[in-house]
C-alpha atoms as a PDB file:
ATOM      1  CA  MET A   1      63.569  17.917 110.440  1.00  0.00           C
ATOM      2  CA  ALA A   2      66.783  20.270 109.743  1.00  0.00           C
ATOM      3  CA  PRO A   3      65.834  24.315 110.103  1.00  0.00           C
ATOM      4  CA  LYS A   4      66.019  25.756 106.009  1.00  0.00           C
ATOM      5  CA  ASP A   5      68.989  28.085 107.374  1.00  0.00           C
ATOM      6  CA  ARG A   6      70.993  24.904 107.418  1.00  0.00           C
ATOM      7  CA  LEU A   7      69.426  23.497 104.334  1.00  0.00           C
ATOM      8  CA  LYS A   8      71.157  26.502 102.372  1.00  0.00           C
ATOM      9  CA  GLU A   9      74.376  25.106 103.347  1.00  0.00           C
ATOM     10  CA  LEU A  10      73.720  22.077 101.648  1.00  0.00           C
ATOM     11  CA  PHE A  11      73.144  22.741  98.265  1.00  0.00           C
ATOM     12  CA  ARG A  12      76.274  25.552  95.912  1.00  0.00           C
ATOM     13  CA  ALA A  13      74.634  28.685  93.712  1.00  0.00           C
ATOM     14  CA  PRO A  14      74.308  28.518  89.958  1.00  0.00           C
ATOM     15  CA  ALA A  15      77.266  29.390  88.605  1.00  0.00           C
ATOM     16  CA  PRO A  16      76.747  32.320  86.169  1.00  0.00           C
ATOM     17  CA  LEU A  17      75.790  31.803  82.678  1.00  0.00           C
ATOM     18  CA  THR A  18      78.776  32.224  80.754  1.00  0.00           C
ATOM     19  CA  ALA A  19      78.710  34.289  77.362  1.00  0.00           C
ATOM     20  CA  MET A  20      78.793  31.034  75.549  1.00  0.00           C
ATOM     21  CA  ASP A  21      75.417  30.336  77.268  1.00  0.00           C
ATOM     22  CA  ARG A  22      73.098  33.361  76.884  1.00  0.00           C
ATOM     23  CA  THR A  23      74.242  33.057  73.168  1.00  0.00           C
ATOM     24  CA  THR A  24      72.692  29.389  73.179  1.00  0.00           C
ATOM     25  CA  GLN A  25      69.670  30.790  74.908  1.00  0.00           C
ATOM     26  CA  GLU A  26      69.310  33.477  72.542  1.00  0.00           C
ATOM     27  CA  ALA A  27      70.287  31.288  69.410  1.00  0.00           C
ATOM     28  CA  LYS A  28      67.369  28.432  71.206  1.00  0.00           C
ATOM     29  CA  LEU A  29      64.830  31.208  71.839  1.00  0.00           C
ATOM     30  CA  ILE A  30      65.551  32.935  67.457  1.00  0.00           C
ATOM     31  CA  VAL A  31      65.349  29.113  66.753  1.00  0.00           C
ATOM     32  CA  SER A  32      61.715  28.452  68.348  1.00  0.00           C
ATOM     33  CA  GLU A  33      60.401  31.654  66.822  1.00  0.00           C
ATOM     34  CA  GLN A  34      61.171  31.476  63.755  1.00  0.00           C
ATOM     35  CA  THR A  35      59.893  27.339  63.700  1.00  0.00           C
ATOM     36  CA  GLU A  36      56.537  28.886  65.080  1.00  0.00           C
ATOM     37  CA  ARG A  37      56.701  31.375  62.653  1.00  0.00           C
ATOM     38  CA  ARG A  38      56.912  28.906  59.737  1.00  0.00           C
ATOM     39  CA  GLN A  39      54.385  26.401  60.994  1.00  0.00           C
ATOM     40  CA  GLU A  40      52.286  29.215  60.762  1.00  0.00           C
ATOM     41  CA  LEU A  41      52.649  30.655  57.731  1.00  0.00           C
ATOM     42  CA  THR A  42      52.610  26.608  55.998  1.00  0.00           C
ATOM     43  CA  ALA A  43      48.798  25.858  58.044  1.00  0.00           C
ATOM     44  CA  THR A  44      47.656  29.215  56.625  1.00  0.00           C
ATOM     45  CA  LEU A  45      49.011  28.182  52.848  1.00  0.00           C
ATOM     46  CA  ARG A  46      47.940  24.065  53.557  1.00  0.00           C
ATOM     47  CA  ALA A  47      44.461  25.887  53.778  1.00  0.00           C
ATOM     48  CA  ALA A  48      44.605  27.965  50.877  1.00  0.00           C
ATOM     49  CA  ARG A  49      45.387  25.449  49.276  1.00  0.00           C
ATOM     50  CA  LEU A  50      43.115  23.238  49.944  1.00  0.00           C
ATOM     51  CA  ALA A  51      40.100  26.282  50.223  1.00  0.00           C
ATOM     52  CA  LYS A  52      41.566  26.433  46.336  1.00  0.00           C
ATOM     53  CA  GLU A  53      41.710  22.593  45.569  1.00  0.00           C
ATOM     54  CA  ALA A  54      38.001  22.228  46.842  1.00  0.00           C
ATOM     55  CA  SER A  55      36.520  24.836  44.872  1.00  0.00           C
ATOM     56  CA  GLU A  56      38.020  23.624  41.730  1.00  0.00           C
ATOM     57  CA  THR A  57      36.539  19.801  42.380  1.00  0.00           C
ATOM     58  CA  GLY A  58      33.122  22.136  43.009  1.00  0.00           C
ATOM     59  CA  LYS A  59      33.602  23.498  39.388  1.00  0.00           C
ATOM     60  CA  GLY A  60      34.179  20.925  37.593  1.00  0.00           C
ATOM     61  CA  LYS A  61      37.782  21.116  36.502  1.00  0.00           C
ATOM     62  CA  SER A  62      40.287  18.017  38.143  1.00  0.00           C
ATOM     63  CA  PRO A  63      42.926  19.712  40.819  1.00  0.00           C
ATOM     64  CA  ALA A  64      46.675  19.070  39.368  1.00  0.00           C
ATOM     65  CA  LYS A  65      48.025  16.552  38.455  1.00  0.00           C
ATOM     66  CA  GLY A  66      51.534  14.909  39.346  1.00  0.00           C
ATOM     67  CA  ARG A  67      51.644  16.988  42.663  1.00  0.00           C
ATOM     68  CA  LYS A  68      54.241  15.531  44.614  1.00  0.00           C
ATOM     69  CA  LYS A  69      54.139  16.365  48.215  1.00  0.00           C
END
């Protein structure tokens, strides 16, 4: 086997990040954070809606009709 020092010379060092690369990386981070927050909010609202519908059904009221999904 070749010594590790010789193997380092086989590969180039990665190019430094350009301004566009940094901006793209930050934009992806922001979008992923917003998506995660939106999914959490949707789950919370869905659970509240289902609880409300369940309580209305228990009281004898019919759930709202004509609701689109």
